[in-house]
C-alpha cells in the first residue's frame, strides 16, 4: 500500500541539487538531476550517519563527502563501501514532489 506524502514544490530544488525532507523519524535526501529526474535516499550515510545531502553527485552516483562511500541513487546500492542506502519512491505531481513513505 502506498502512502504518498507531499514534500515540497519542485522549484525548491535546483537542477543538480538536493533538499532534505523530514517526516517523523525519517530524513530523506531528494536529488533532482537533469530532466527533472528525482531520487530519494536516506539522508544518513549507512557508514557513520553523515548527511548524504552534502555529497557530490555525478550522474546517478552520490559520493559521501566524509568517507568517499559511493551509492547508486537508482536503487541505493553501494558502489564503494559495504552498506547500501535506503531509497524511497518519489514522483512529481502538478509541480509538487511526493514521497511514498
Protein backbone atom coordinates (compact mmCIF):
# COMPACT_ATOMS: atom_id res chain seq x y z
CA UNK A 1 0.00 0.00 0.00
CA UNK A 2 1.36 3.41 -0.94
CA UNK A 3 1.46 6.36 1.41
CA UNK A 4 2.32 9.31 -0.86
CA UNK A 5 3.28 12.36 1.18
CA UNK A 6 3.57 15.84 -0.37
CA UNK A 7 7.09 17.12 0.31
CA UNK A 8 7.74 20.46 -1.43
CA UNK A 9 7.45 22.16 -4.84
CA UNK A 10 9.92 21.03 -7.50
CA UNK A 11 11.12 24.65 -7.71
CA UNK A 12 12.56 24.23 -4.18
CA UNK A 13 15.34 22.05 -5.62
CA UNK A 14 17.60 23.48 -8.32
CA UNK A 15 18.54 21.17 -11.18
CA UNK A 16 21.55 19.16 -10.00
CA UNK A 17 20.75 19.99 -6.37
CA UNK A 18 19.23 18.34 -3.34
CA UNK A 19 17.00 19.05 -0.38
CA UNK A 20 16.15 17.24 2.84
CA UNK A 21 12.56 16.36 3.73
CA UNK A 22 11.89 15.46 7.35
CA UNK A 23 8.92 13.26 8.22
CA UNK A 24 8.53 11.78 11.70
CA UNK A 25 11.85 9.96 12.29
CA UNK A 26 12.92 9.91 8.65
CA UNK A 27 15.28 12.36 6.97
CA UNK A 28 15.04 11.88 3.22
CA UNK A 29 17.51 13.49 0.80
CA UNK A 30 15.78 14.24 -2.51
CA UNK A 31 18.04 14.79 -5.51
CA UNK A 32 16.98 16.48 -8.77
CA UNK A 33 19.02 15.51 -11.80
CA UNK A 34 18.84 16.91 -15.33
CA UNK A 35 15.50 16.41 -16.99
CA UNK A 36 13.80 16.61 -13.59
CA UNK A 37 14.65 13.00 -12.68
CA UNK A 38 14.09 12.66 -8.93
CA UNK A 39 15.66 10.22 -6.47
CA UNK A 40 15.14 9.90 -2.73
CA UNK A 41 17.52 8.22 -0.26
CA UNK A 42 18.05 8.19 3.48
CA UNK A 43 19.95 11.36 4.34
CA UNK A 44 22.15 9.43 6.78
CA UNK A 45 25.09 7.59 5.28
CA UNK A 46 24.86 3.96 6.44
CA UNK A 47 28.60 4.00 7.23
CA UNK A 48 28.60 6.55 10.07
CA UNK A 49 25.42 8.60 9.66
CA UNK A 50 26.82 11.71 8.00
CA UNK A 51 24.39 13.77 5.84
CA UNK A 52 24.29 12.49 2.25
CA UNK A 53 22.58 15.67 1.06
CA UNK A 54 26.05 17.26 1.28
CA UNK A 55 27.55 14.63 -1.01
CA UNK A 56 28.88 15.08 -4.53
CA UNK A 57 26.64 13.95 -7.38
CA UNK A 58 27.82 12.77 -10.80
CA UNK A 59 25.07 11.33 -12.99
CA UNK A 60 23.28 8.89 -10.65
CA UNK A 61 26.26 8.28 -8.36
CA UNK A 62 26.28 10.01 -4.99
CA UNK A 63 29.57 10.21 -3.08
CA UNK A 64 29.51 10.78 0.66
CA UNK A 65 31.72 13.79 1.38
CA UNK A 66 33.01 12.35 4.63
CA UNK A 67 34.35 8.86 3.80
CA UNK A 68 34.04 8.60 0.00
CA UNK A 69 31.36 5.87 0.03
CA UNK A 70 29.54 5.83 -3.33
CA UNK A 71 25.86 5.00 -3.90
CA UNK A 72 23.72 4.48 -6.99
CA UNK A 73 20.69 6.73 -6.47
CA UNK A 74 18.51 4.50 -8.65
CA UNK A 75 18.50 1.57 -6.22
CA UNK A 76 20.64 2.60 -3.25
CA UNK A 77 23.34 0.04 -3.97
CA UNK A 78 26.76 0.77 -2.53
CA UNK A 79 29.38 1.03 -5.28
CA UNK A 80 32.29 1.79 -2.96
CA UNK A 81 31.97 0.69 0.64
CA UNK A 82 29.92 -2.11 2.09
CA UNK A 83 26.42 -0.87 3.03
CA UNK A 84 23.54 0.07 0.73
CA UNK A 85 21.48 3.18 1.46
CA UNK A 86 17.70 3.06 1.81
CA UNK A 87 15.67 4.52 -1.04
CA UNK A 88 12.07 5.75 -1.29
CA UNK A 89 9.80 6.02 -4.33
CA UNK A 90 9.44 9.62 -5.44
CA UNK A 91 7.14 11.23 -8.00
CA UNK A 92 6.22 14.61 -9.39
CA UNK A 93 2.53 15.59 -9.41
CA UNK A 94 1.49 19.03 -10.68
CA UNK A 95 4.88 20.55 -9.88
CA UNK A 96 4.98 19.06 -6.37
CA UNK A 97 7.44 16.40 -5.18
CA UNK A 98 5.80 13.50 -3.34
CA UNK A 99 7.42 10.62 -1.44
CA UNK A 100 6.00 7.18 -0.74
CA UNK A 101 6.88 6.93 2.95
